[in-house]
Amino acid sequence: MMNEKLSTFLAEQNQRFEAVYKPVVLQNWMAATTGEKQWEELHEKSLTAYHRNFSEKEDFAKVIQFRKETYLTRLEQRQLDDLYSKMLPNQLDEKLVQETVALEKELSSKFNTFRPLLHGKKCTNNKILNILKKSEDSEVRKEAWLSSKQVGVEIEEKLLQLVHIRNENARALGYSDFYQMNLDVQDLKDADVFLIFERLKKVSDEPFRKVKKEIDNELAQKMNIDVKDLRPWHYADPFFQEAPAKQTIDIDKHFTGKNIEEVASATFEAVGLNIDDILKESDLYPRENKNPFGFCTNIDRQGDVRILVNIDESVFWTTALLHELGHASYFKNIDKGLPFLLRSHSHSITTEAIALFFGRMTKMSQWQSRFLGVEQKEQDTAMNQLLQRQLLVFARWVITFATFERELYQNPNQDLNGLWWKLAEEIQFINPPERTDYPDWASKMHFSLAPVTYQDYLLGELVASQLHHHIVTTISSDIFTIKVGEYFKDHIFKDGASFQWNELIENATGTGLDPTHFVNQFCVGWNIKS
């Protein structure tokens, strides 16, 4: 009898979830691709309906009771776990939920449509990145960098209001703050995550110090200034989350004149993953009022998978394209016979691992040789070192971000602007700007629209290294073979969310999450001149 009750309950929940899921995703897509108010308003209404669907206290009580049963099958357990994580944050007064949704919608609209002023004229994010990548004039770079932070000033007040509301909501549900609640519903433990990050920081301190010294020496020479005078605007990325290209290597020249879509298609075809149908349905090039960033979305969990990017002929946007197509390949190949609740990735860590696995390729000499026609011999050592320093730079950036975000929710009333630059100096070894009283941190979209997700990028990097090690040691030393795509489809993609994330990793590689492979790949064997 209990089995029948559970089966009926899960069938109803899957049906209800499917009904509220697609409008939210599709209308968000339309808002991001058009910037039109009507879609933003429809998206807000759909989000409200989505949250209301998971707010039923009677259903939540049933989920809690069913999860206590010992007879559950794996698929039943995973569906109940997913329902619990969706329902828990919605056990609040509807007015509180609507207040949160309205603020998030307002911030989303600002990020979608905001164009910073540079020399009194509106400019695109790509233009700012291009200046930071190429200009040798410190004042020009500073002006561009400051422009990239203007959105932070615009949204700081609303964002802090949202942080306080999120914390109030989390405390109403029994948590100390919003950050801890979100880790819990994501099946992550604060102590485990930050123990990994603390150990990574410690083991990477010396190699990163050498990398940072090499980068700083190159930039100082390029800008014709002393190393001590380097500031955040001298780096190629506004947050120093990307390592600047080595002065002896002009990577972007290899992308000039290339059809980036065709390069991406050929890359995935080589590993047995056709993505042409995804490209056809996607929004690939920049234009006015379009979201200037990038993301992947699974519109209906039936095969309608799309990406939004803003391609130009650069390593940055080619990397972003391969990254988002990694997500898309995952979503496309999930078993459509699974219950609707489980037709998704096991965890953002697992889909990030796949996306990062492909995004790394643009800095691999064998990929450049095969898909861009670059002579491999002249690139091997330089490319391998570039990938290493990129991953070290990125790891330190994520540790900075995650540490700040945890502090943000623990005490949003502290001097956040000062804290931001304190952490950047301690972890990323960046000299702060002259003034640290601006909300530079708030210009990073994830604080507003994707809270408590950034730790997954670095955990995903760890898994990407673990997958890479498993592939080259047990499947094929050449990663550009259809065996790789078959491995991903059979051991990662098709299972969707039917396994707990660490269990999925263990099934695919033989062990659960193991940072050793990342450390061996990027923190060992450095021979950079000191």
Protein backbone atom coordinates (compact mmCIF):
# COMPACT_ATOMS: atom_id res chain seq x y z
CA MET A 1 0.00 0.00 0.00
CA MET A 2 2.81 2.40 0.91
CA ASN A 3 4.53 1.64 -2.42
CA GLU A 4 1.35 2.59 -4.27
CA LYS A 5 1.00 5.82 -2.31
CA LEU A 6 4.61 6.75 -3.04
CA SER A 7 4.30 5.90 -6.74
CA THR A 8 1.15 7.99 -7.05
CA PHE A 9 2.74 10.88 -5.14
CA LEU A 10 5.89 10.88 -7.29
CA ALA A 11 3.88 10.65 -10.52
CA GLU A 12 1.85 13.69 -9.49
CA GLN A 13 4.96 15.63 -8.46
CA ASN A 14 6.71 14.92 -11.77
CA GLN A 15 3.65 16.03 -13.70
CA ARG A 16 3.30 19.25 -11.71
CA PHE A 17 7.01 20.03 -11.94
CA GLU A 18 7.01 19.61 -15.72
CA ALA A 19 4.07 22.03 -16.00
CA VAL A 20 5.85 24.84 -14.13
CA TYR A 21 9.39 24.15 -15.36
CA LYS A 22 9.28 25.04 -19.06
CA PRO A 23 7.63 28.51 -18.76
CA VAL A 24 10.35 29.62 -16.32
CA VAL A 25 13.21 28.44 -18.50
CA LEU A 26 11.75 29.57 -21.83
CA GLN A 27 10.78 33.04 -20.60
CA ASN A 28 14.19 33.53 -19.01
CA TRP A 29 15.69 32.65 -22.41
CA MET A 30 13.47 35.21 -24.14
CA ALA A 31 14.32 37.91 -21.58
CA ALA A 32 18.05 37.23 -21.98
CA THR A 33 17.96 37.24 -25.78
CA THR A 34 15.70 40.28 -26.23
CA GLY A 35 16.05 42.39 -23.08
CA GLU A 36 12.31 43.10 -23.42
CA LYS A 37 10.30 43.98 -20.32
CA GLN A 38 7.35 41.80 -21.28
CA TRP A 39 9.48 38.67 -21.04
CA GLU A 40 10.96 39.75 -17.74
CA GLU A 41 7.47 40.26 -16.34
CA LEU A 42 6.27 36.90 -17.65
CA HIS A 43 9.37 35.26 -16.22
CA GLU A 44 8.65 36.78 -12.81
CA LYS A 45 5.08 35.43 -12.88
CA SER A 46 6.29 31.98 -13.91
CA LEU A 47 8.90 31.98 -11.16
CA THR A 48 6.22 32.82 -8.63
CA ALA A 49 4.14 29.89 -9.88
CA TYR A 50 7.23 27.67 -9.77
CA HIS A 51 7.97 28.54 -6.15
CA ARG A 52 4.30 28.19 -5.20
CA ASN A 53 4.30 24.67 -6.64
CA PHE A 54 6.95 23.66 -4.12
CA SER A 55 5.49 25.54 -1.17
CA GLU A 56 2.72 23.11 -0.24
CA LYS A 57 3.33 22.20 3.39
CA GLU A 58 1.32 18.98 3.15
CA ASP A 59 3.46 17.78 0.23
CA PHE A 60 6.65 18.73 2.08
CA ALA A 61 5.51 16.72 5.10
CA LYS A 62 4.92 13.71 2.85
CA VAL A 63 8.40 14.03 1.36
CA ILE A 64 9.92 14.09 4.84
CA GLN A 65 7.92 11.01 5.84
CA PHE A 66 8.64 9.05 2.64
CA ARG A 67 12.40 9.75 2.98
CA LYS A 68 12.38 7.90 6.31
CA GLU A 69 11.26 4.66 4.69
CA THR A 70 13.83 1.88 4.27
CA TYR A 71 12.36 0.14 1.23
CA LEU A 72 13.01 2.94 -1.29
CA THR A 73 14.54 2.19 -4.67
CA ARG A 74 17.43 4.37 -5.84
CA LEU A 75 15.21 6.31 -8.28
CA GLU A 76 12.57 6.87 -5.60
CA GLN A 77 15.19 8.08 -3.15
CA ARG A 78 16.74 10.45 -5.67
CA GLN A 79 13.35 11.93 -6.62
CA LEU A 80 12.47 12.49 -2.96
CA ASP A 81 15.87 14.07 -2.32
CA ASP A 82 15.35 16.40 -5.28
CA LEU A 83 11.87 17.33 -4.09
CA TYR A 84 13.19 18.02 -0.59
CA SER A 85 15.89 20.38 -1.94
CA LYS A 86 13.29 22.21 -4.05
CA MET A 87 10.61 22.38 -1.35
CA LEU A 88 12.71 23.35 1.65
CA PRO A 89 13.57 26.92 0.50
CA ASN A 90 9.92 27.44 -0.43
CA GLN A 91 8.43 26.70 3.00
CA LEU A 92 8.04 30.42 3.55
CA ASP A 93 5.25 32.95 3.46
CA GLU A 94 4.39 33.63 -0.18
CA LYS A 95 4.93 37.36 0.27
CA LEU A 96 8.54 36.71 1.25
CA VAL A 97 9.03 34.52 -1.80
CA GLN A 98 7.49 37.15 -4.09
CA GLU A 99 9.70 39.84 -2.56
CA THR A 100 12.79 37.75 -3.29
CA VAL A 101 11.69 36.97 -6.84
CA ALA A 102 10.94 40.62 -7.57
CA LEU A 103 14.39 41.73 -6.39
CA GLU A 104 16.11 38.99 -8.37
CA LYS A 105 14.14 39.98 -11.46
CA GLU A 106 15.14 43.63 -11.03
CA LEU A 107 18.81 42.68 -10.71
CA SER A 108 18.60 40.31 -13.67
CA SER A 109 17.14 43.05 -15.82
CA LYS A 110 19.93 45.41 -14.82
CA PHE A 111 22.64 42.90 -15.72
CA ASN A 112 20.92 42.02 -19.02
CA THR A 113 20.62 45.59 -20.23
CA PHE A 114 23.25 47.65 -18.41
CA ARG A 115 25.94 49.11 -20.65
CA PRO A 116 28.77 50.94 -18.85
CA LEU A 117 29.95 54.38 -19.89
CA LEU A 118 33.47 54.73 -21.26
CA HIS A 119 34.54 58.27 -22.21
CA GLY A 120 30.89 59.30 -21.85
CA LYS A 121 29.60 56.69 -24.33
CA LYS A 122 27.90 53.35 -23.73
CA CYS A 123 30.15 50.40 -24.49
CA THR A 124 29.93 46.61 -24.50
CA ASN A 125 31.54 44.14 -22.15
CA ASN A 126 33.52 42.77 -25.10
CA LYS A 127 35.02 46.21 -25.78
CA ILE A 128 36.21 46.48 -22.18
CA LEU A 129 37.72 42.99 -22.30
CA ASN A 130 39.45 43.86 -25.57
CA ILE A 131 41.04 46.95 -24.00
CA LEU A 132 42.22 44.95 -20.98
CA LYS A 133 43.62 42.33 -23.30
CA LYS A 134 45.50 44.60 -25.69
CA SER A 135 46.09 48.15 -24.43
CA GLU A 136 49.54 49.11 -23.13
CA ASP A 137 48.34 52.45 -21.75
CA SER A 138 47.77 52.26 -17.97
CA GLU A 139 45.30 55.17 -17.92
CA VAL A 140 43.23 53.69 -20.76
CA ARG A 141 43.18 50.35 -18.98
CA LYS A 142 42.19 51.96 -15.68
CA GLU A 143 39.27 53.79 -17.28
CA ALA A 144 38.05 50.56 -18.91
CA TRP A 145 38.40 48.61 -15.66
CA LEU A 146 36.50 51.25 -13.70
CA SER A 147 33.77 51.14 -16.36
CA SER A 148 33.43 47.39 -15.83
CA LYS A 149 32.63 48.07 -12.16
CA GLN A 150 29.90 50.66 -12.75
CA VAL A 151 27.13 48.07 -12.58
CA GLY A 152 28.24 47.27 -9.02
CA VAL A 153 27.46 50.82 -7.91
CA GLU A 154 24.11 50.63 -9.70
CA ILE A 155 22.96 47.45 -7.96
CA GLU A 156 24.76 47.45 -4.59
CA GLU A 157 21.83 48.73 -2.53
CA LYS A 158 19.34 46.26 -4.03
CA LEU A 159 21.81 43.39 -3.80
CA LEU A 160 22.48 43.99 -0.10
CA GLN A 161 18.74 44.22 0.46
CA LEU A 162 18.41 40.84 -1.25
CA VAL A 163 21.23 39.35 0.87
CA HIS A 164 19.42 40.39 4.07
CA ILE A 165 16.11 38.95 2.81
CA ARG A 166 17.79 35.69 1.81
CA ASN A 167 19.30 35.43 5.29
CA GLU A 168 15.96 36.14 6.97
CA ASN A 169 14.35 33.43 4.86
CA ALA A 170 17.08 30.92 5.71
CA ARG A 171 16.83 31.64 9.45
CA ALA A 172 13.07 31.14 9.27
CA LEU A 173 13.85 27.63 8.02
CA GLY A 174 16.29 26.90 10.83
CA TYR A 175 19.64 27.78 9.23
CA SER A 176 22.26 30.23 10.45
CA ASP A 177 22.33 32.00 7.07
CA PHE A 178 21.48 31.65 3.39
CA TYR A 179 24.94 30.36 2.47
CA GLN A 180 24.73 27.40 4.86
CA MET A 181 21.19 26.57 3.72
CA ASN A 182 22.23 26.47 0.09
CA LEU A 183 25.21 24.24 0.73
CA ASP A 184 22.88 21.87 2.58
CA VAL A 185 20.28 21.66 -0.18
CA GLN A 186 23.12 21.13 -2.67
CA ASP A 187 24.36 18.13 -0.70
CA LEU A 188 27.61 19.91 0.24
CA LYS A 189 29.17 20.45 3.66
CA ASP A 190 30.84 23.75 4.51
CA ALA A 191 33.67 22.03 6.42
CA ASP A 192 34.44 19.67 3.52
CA VAL A 193 34.40 22.36 0.83
CA PHE A 194 36.60 24.81 2.68
CA LEU A 195 38.99 22.12 3.90
CA ILE A 196 39.61 21.27 0.24
CA PHE A 197 40.03 24.97 -0.60
CA GLU A 198 42.40 25.58 2.33
CA ARG A 199 44.55 22.63 1.31
CA LEU A 200 44.54 23.73 -2.32
CA LYS A 201 45.60 27.22 -1.32
CA LYS A 202 48.42 25.84 0.78
CA VAL A 203 49.74 23.43 -1.84
CA SER A 204 49.41 26.04 -4.60
CA ASP A 205 50.97 28.96 -2.69
CA GLU A 206 54.47 28.46 -4.01
CA PRO A 207 53.65 27.55 -7.65
CA PHE A 208 51.12 30.40 -7.78
CA ARG A 209 53.63 32.84 -6.32
CA LYS A 210 56.04 31.93 -9.13
CA VAL A 211 53.30 32.20 -11.74
CA LYS A 212 52.16 35.55 -10.39
CA LYS A 213 55.75 36.83 -10.40
CA GLU A 214 56.16 35.74 -14.01
CA ILE A 215 52.85 37.40 -15.00
CA ASP A 216 53.70 40.60 -13.14
CA ASN A 217 57.17 40.84 -14.70
CA GLU A 218 55.67 40.40 -18.17
CA LEU A 219 52.97 43.03 -17.55
CA ALA A 220 55.37 45.54 -16.00
CA GLN A 221 57.64 45.23 -19.01
CA LYS A 222 54.70 45.56 -21.40
CA MET A 223 53.30 48.63 -19.60
CA ASN A 224 56.75 50.11 -18.96
CA ILE A 225 56.09 50.45 -15.21
CA ASP A 226 57.52 48.99 -11.99
CA VAL A 227 56.02 45.76 -10.70
CA LYS A 228 55.05 47.53 -7.45
CA ASP A 229 52.84 49.88 -9.50
CA LEU A 230 50.70 47.10 -10.99
CA ARG A 231 47.02 47.35 -10.11
CA PRO A 232 43.86 45.31 -10.92
CA TRP A 233 43.37 47.03 -14.31
CA HIS A 234 46.72 45.76 -15.58
CA TYR A 235 45.41 42.19 -15.77
CA ALA A 236 43.51 40.79 -18.74
CA ASP A 237 40.35 40.06 -16.78
CA PRO A 238 38.51 42.54 -14.50
CA PHE A 239 38.65 40.05 -11.60
CA PHE A 240 41.96 38.34 -12.47
CA GLN A 241 40.09 35.08 -12.97
CA GLU A 242 41.83 34.57 -16.31
CA ALA A 243 45.60 34.48 -16.72
CA PRO A 244 46.84 36.98 -19.32
CA ALA A 245 48.47 35.50 -22.40
CA LYS A 246 52.22 35.12 -22.20
CA GLN A 247 53.96 37.96 -24.02
CA THR A 248 55.77 35.43 -26.21
CA ILE A 249 52.50 33.83 -27.29
CA ASP A 250 49.70 35.54 -29.20
CA ILE A 251 46.94 32.95 -28.89
CA ASP A 252 44.21 35.09 -30.41
CA LYS A 253 46.01 35.27 -33.74
CA HIS A 254 45.25 31.58 -34.25
CA PHE A 255 41.52 32.30 -33.97
CA THR A 256 41.45 35.26 -36.35
CA GLY A 257 39.66 34.40 -39.57
CA LYS A 258 38.39 31.07 -38.24
CA ASN A 259 34.75 30.04 -38.28
CA ILE A 260 34.39 29.48 -34.54
CA GLU A 261 31.11 27.61 -34.92
CA GLU A 262 32.73 25.12 -37.28
CA VAL A 263 35.72 24.71 -34.98
CA ALA A 264 33.39 23.91 -32.08
CA SER A 265 31.34 21.51 -34.16
CA ALA A 266 34.46 19.67 -35.34
CA THR A 267 35.76 19.43 -31.76
CA PHE A 268 32.65 17.71 -30.45
CA GLU A 269 32.27 15.57 -33.58
CA ALA A 270 35.81 14.24 -33.00
CA VAL A 271 34.77 12.82 -29.63
CA GLY A 272 31.50 11.44 -30.97
CA LEU A 273 29.18 14.16 -29.68
CA ASN A 274 27.22 15.90 -32.44
CA ILE A 275 26.09 19.38 -31.37
CA ASP A 276 24.94 20.90 -34.67
CA ASP A 277 21.29 20.74 -33.60
CA ILE A 278 22.19 22.69 -30.45
CA LEU A 279 24.06 25.37 -32.40
CA LYS A 280 21.08 25.75 -34.74
CA GLU A 281 18.72 26.60 -31.85
CA SER A 282 21.18 28.80 -29.96
CA ASP A 283 21.91 32.55 -29.80
CA LEU A 284 25.60 32.93 -30.60
CA TYR A 285 26.52 36.53 -31.47
CA PRO A 286 26.41 39.86 -29.57
CA ARG A 287 23.80 42.54 -30.20
CA GLU A 288 22.05 45.37 -28.42
CA ASN A 289 19.93 44.45 -25.36
CA LYS A 290 21.13 40.85 -25.36
CA ASN A 291 22.64 39.36 -22.21
CA PRO A 292 26.39 40.00 -22.67
CA PHE A 293 27.53 36.88 -20.84
CA GLY A 294 26.99 33.18 -21.54
CA PHE A 295 24.89 30.26 -20.28
CA CYS A 296 23.29 26.97 -21.31
CA THR A 297 19.65 26.08 -20.78
CA ASN A 298 17.64 22.87 -21.03
CA ILE A 299 14.30 24.19 -22.24
CA ASP A 300 12.05 21.15 -21.86
CA ARG A 301 14.20 18.20 -20.71
CA GLN A 302 13.07 16.50 -23.91
CA GLY A 303 15.97 17.54 -26.17
CA ASP A 304 15.50 21.28 -26.69
CA VAL A 305 18.90 22.43 -25.39
CA ARG A 306 20.29 25.91 -26.20
CA ILE A 307 23.25 28.08 -25.36
CA LEU A 308 23.67 31.84 -25.25
CA VAL A 309 27.13 33.24 -26.00
CA ASN A 310 28.57 36.33 -27.69
CA ILE A 311 31.15 34.91 -30.06
CA ASP A 312 34.04 36.82 -31.53
CA GLU A 313 37.33 35.52 -32.95
CA SER A 314 39.11 35.16 -29.62
CA VAL A 315 40.32 32.45 -27.29
CA PHE A 316 38.02 33.89 -24.59
CA TRP A 317 34.79 33.34 -26.51
CA THR A 318 35.92 30.10 -28.11
CA THR A 319 36.62 28.80 -24.62
CA ALA A 320 33.18 29.99 -23.50
CA LEU A 321 31.56 28.34 -26.53
CA LEU A 322 33.20 24.95 -25.87
CA HIS A 323 32.35 25.31 -22.18
CA GLU A 324 28.64 25.93 -22.78
CA LEU A 325 28.49 23.19 -25.41
CA GLY A 326 29.93 20.83 -22.79
CA HIS A 327 26.92 21.59 -20.62
CA ALA A 328 24.63 21.21 -23.63
CA SER A 329 26.06 17.82 -24.62
CA TYR A 330 25.42 16.60 -21.09
CA PHE A 331 21.79 17.76 -21.10
CA LYS A 332 21.15 16.45 -24.61
CA ASN A 333 22.23 12.90 -23.77
CA ILE A 334 20.37 12.38 -20.50
CA ASP A 335 18.08 9.35 -20.66
CA LYS A 336 14.62 10.69 -21.64
CA GLY A 337 13.06 7.65 -19.99
CA LEU A 338 13.98 8.89 -16.52
CA PRO A 339 11.32 10.60 -14.40
CA PHE A 340 11.15 14.31 -15.28
CA LEU A 341 12.62 15.27 -11.91
CA LEU A 342 15.77 13.28 -12.69
CA ARG A 343 16.23 14.42 -16.30
CA SER A 344 18.95 16.82 -15.24
CA HIS A 345 22.59 16.74 -14.20
CA SER A 346 23.44 14.95 -10.98
CA HIS A 347 24.90 18.16 -9.54
CA SER A 348 26.29 21.41 -10.90
CA ILE A 349 29.73 19.98 -10.02
CA THR A 350 29.31 17.18 -12.55
CA THR A 351 28.05 19.35 -15.40
CA GLU A 352 30.73 21.97 -14.64
CA ALA A 353 33.35 19.23 -14.83
CA ILE A 354 32.24 18.35 -18.36
CA ALA A 355 32.04 22.00 -19.42
CA LEU A 356 35.51 22.70 -18.01
CA PHE A 357 36.93 19.56 -19.61
CA PHE A 358 36.01 20.99 -23.02
CA GLY A 359 36.75 24.63 -22.19
CA ARG A 360 40.35 23.73 -21.30
CA MET A 361 40.97 22.50 -24.82
CA THR A 362 41.63 25.95 -26.30
CA LYS A 363 44.85 26.05 -24.28
CA MET A 364 45.97 22.55 -25.28
CA SER A 365 48.57 22.30 -28.05
CA GLN A 366 47.06 19.11 -29.51
CA TRP A 367 43.66 20.83 -29.84
CA GLN A 368 45.19 23.91 -31.49
CA SER A 369 47.12 21.70 -33.88
CA ARG A 370 44.12 19.60 -34.86
CA PHE A 371 41.39 22.23 -35.05
CA LEU A 372 43.26 25.49 -35.76
CA GLY A 373 46.15 24.14 -37.83
CA VAL A 374 48.85 25.44 -35.46
CA GLU A 375 52.18 23.62 -35.66
CA GLN A 376 52.26 21.53 -32.52
CA LYS A 377 56.02 21.33 -31.90
CA GLU A 378 56.40 25.06 -31.42
CA GLN A 379 53.39 25.20 -29.09
CA ASP A 380 53.74 22.15 -26.81
CA THR A 381 55.72 23.49 -23.86
CA ALA A 382 54.31 27.00 -24.01
CA MET A 383 50.69 25.81 -24.18
CA ASN A 384 51.06 23.31 -21.37
CA GLN A 385 52.56 25.99 -19.16
CA LEU A 386 49.84 28.46 -20.15
CA LEU A 387 47.11 25.98 -19.19
CA GLN A 388 48.83 25.35 -15.87
CA ARG A 389 49.07 29.00 -15.00
CA GLN A 390 45.49 29.61 -16.13
CA LEU A 391 44.18 26.89 -13.82
CA LEU A 392 46.25 28.16 -10.90
CA VAL A 393 44.98 31.71 -11.45
CA PHE A 394 41.41 30.43 -11.69
CA ALA A 395 41.71 28.26 -8.58
CA ARG A 396 42.90 31.21 -6.51
CA TRP A 397 40.07 33.38 -7.89
CA VAL A 398 37.39 30.84 -6.92
CA ILE A 399 38.83 30.51 -3.42
CA THR A 400 38.69 34.32 -3.14
CA PHE A 401 35.10 34.48 -4.38
CA ALA A 402 33.81 31.59 -2.25
CA THR A 403 35.52 32.87 0.91
CA PHE A 404 34.04 36.33 0.37
CA GLU A 405 30.55 35.00 -0.36
CA ARG A 406 30.54 32.94 2.82
CA GLU A 407 31.58 36.06 4.77
CA LEU A 408 28.99 38.15 2.93
CA TYR A 409 26.13 36.03 4.29
CA GLN A 410 27.70 35.54 7.74
CA ASN A 411 27.92 39.31 8.24
CA PRO A 412 26.52 41.52 5.46
CA ASN A 413 26.93 44.63 7.64
CA GLN A 414 30.73 44.51 7.73
CA ASP A 415 33.03 46.55 5.47
CA LEU A 416 32.47 44.36 2.43
CA ASN A 417 34.40 46.58 0.03
CA GLY A 418 37.46 46.48 2.27
CA LEU A 419 37.06 42.71 2.82
CA TRP A 420 36.95 42.11 -0.92
CA TRP A 421 40.33 43.72 -1.52
CA LYS A 422 41.82 42.18 1.63
CA LEU A 423 41.02 38.69 0.30
CA ALA A 424 42.14 39.56 -3.24
CA GLU A 425 45.49 40.69 -1.83
CA GLU A 426 45.91 37.65 0.44
CA ILE A 427 44.76 34.96 -2.00
CA GLN A 428 45.31 36.38 -5.50
CA PHE A 429 48.33 38.52 -4.54
CA ILE A 430 46.75 41.59 -6.21
CA ASN A 431 47.73 45.12 -5.23
CA PRO A 432 44.42 46.85 -4.39
CA PRO A 433 43.40 50.07 -6.18
CA GLU A 434 43.98 53.42 -4.49
CA ARG A 435 40.38 53.42 -3.25
CA THR A 436 38.78 50.32 -1.81
CA ASP A 437 35.48 51.86 -0.73
CA TYR A 438 33.62 51.10 -3.97
CA PRO A 439 31.45 47.94 -4.29
CA ASP A 440 33.69 46.43 -6.99
CA TRP A 441 32.69 42.94 -5.84
CA ALA A 442 29.01 43.58 -6.63
CA SER A 443 29.73 43.84 -10.37
CA LYS A 444 30.16 40.06 -10.43
CA MET A 445 26.76 38.78 -11.55
CA HIS A 446 26.89 35.54 -9.55
CA PHE A 447 26.41 37.30 -6.20
CA SER A 448 23.02 38.52 -7.41
CA LEU A 449 21.73 35.83 -9.74
CA ALA A 450 23.60 32.59 -9.04
CA PRO A 451 24.33 32.65 -5.30
CA VAL A 452 26.31 29.89 -3.62
CA THR A 453 27.28 28.22 -6.87
CA TYR A 454 30.81 29.50 -7.48
CA GLN A 455 32.47 26.85 -5.31
CA ASP A 456 31.20 24.32 -7.83
CA TYR A 457 33.44 25.76 -10.55
CA LEU A 458 36.59 24.80 -8.66
CA LEU A 459 35.15 21.49 -7.48
CA GLY A 460 34.26 20.95 -11.13
CA GLU A 461 37.88 21.64 -12.12
CA LEU A 462 38.99 18.96 -9.68
CA VAL A 463 36.56 16.49 -11.23
CA ALA A 464 37.60 17.53 -14.77
CA SER A 465 41.21 16.60 -13.90
CA GLN A 466 40.00 13.35 -12.38
CA LEU A 467 38.03 12.51 -15.55
CA HIS A 468 40.98 13.49 -17.76
CA HIS A 469 43.32 11.24 -15.77
CA HIS A 470 40.88 8.34 -15.96
CA ILE A 471 40.39 8.77 -19.71
CA VAL A 472 44.08 8.96 -20.68
CA THR A 473 45.07 6.09 -18.39
CA THR A 474 42.23 3.65 -19.02
CA ILE A 475 40.38 4.62 -22.23
CA SER A 476 42.58 6.47 -24.74
CA SER A 477 45.74 8.57 -24.59
CA ASP A 478 44.20 10.58 -27.45
CA ILE A 479 41.20 12.41 -26.02
CA PHE A 480 39.93 13.26 -29.53
CA THR A 481 38.32 9.91 -30.19
CA ILE A 482 34.72 8.73 -30.18
CA LYS A 483 35.61 6.48 -27.24
CA VAL A 484 35.63 9.61 -25.07
CA GLY A 485 32.11 10.61 -26.11
CA GLU A 486 30.90 7.05 -25.56
CA TYR A 487 32.46 7.06 -22.09
CA PHE A 488 30.77 10.34 -21.17
CA LYS A 489 27.40 9.22 -22.51
CA ASP A 490 27.50 5.82 -20.80
CA HIS A 491 29.03 6.78 -17.46
CA ILE A 492 27.99 10.41 -16.86
CA PHE A 493 25.32 11.80 -19.18
CA LYS A 494 22.64 9.11 -19.49
CA ASP A 495 22.23 8.66 -15.74
CA GLY A 496 21.02 12.24 -15.29
CA ALA A 497 20.33 12.85 -11.61
CA SER A 498 19.67 9.22 -10.80
CA PHE A 499 22.88 8.96 -8.73
CA GLN A 500 24.17 11.19 -5.94
CA TRP A 501 26.99 13.33 -7.41
CA ASN A 502 29.93 11.74 -5.61
CA GLU A 503 28.54 8.29 -6.25
CA LEU A 504 28.32 9.15 -9.97
CA ILE A 505 31.98 10.24 -9.96
CA GLU A 506 32.97 7.02 -8.20
CA ASN A 507 31.03 4.96 -10.75
CA ALA A 508 32.74 6.81 -13.61
CA THR A 509 36.33 6.88 -12.32
CA GLY A 510 36.62 4.27 -9.58
CA THR A 511 36.85 6.78 -6.71
CA GLY A 512 34.88 9.70 -5.33
CA LEU A 513 36.10 13.29 -5.66
CA ASP A 514 39.91 13.26 -5.38
CA PRO A 515 41.83 16.57 -5.66
CA THR A 516 45.10 14.66 -6.18
CA HIS A 517 44.76 14.65 -9.97
CA PHE A 518 44.36 18.44 -10.17
CA VAL A 519 47.31 18.93 -7.83
CA ASN A 520 49.49 16.56 -9.88
CA GLN A 521 48.42 18.23 -13.11
CA PHE A 522 48.82 21.88 -12.11
CA CYS A 523 50.74 22.25 -8.83
CA VAL A 524 53.68 19.87 -9.24
CA GLY A 525 56.88 20.08 -11.26
CA TRP A 526 57.17 23.83 -11.75
CA ASN A 527 60.39 25.06 -13.31
CA ILE A 528 59.60 28.75 -13.70
CA LYS A 529 62.65 30.90 -13.08
CA SER A 530 62.48 32.70 -9.78
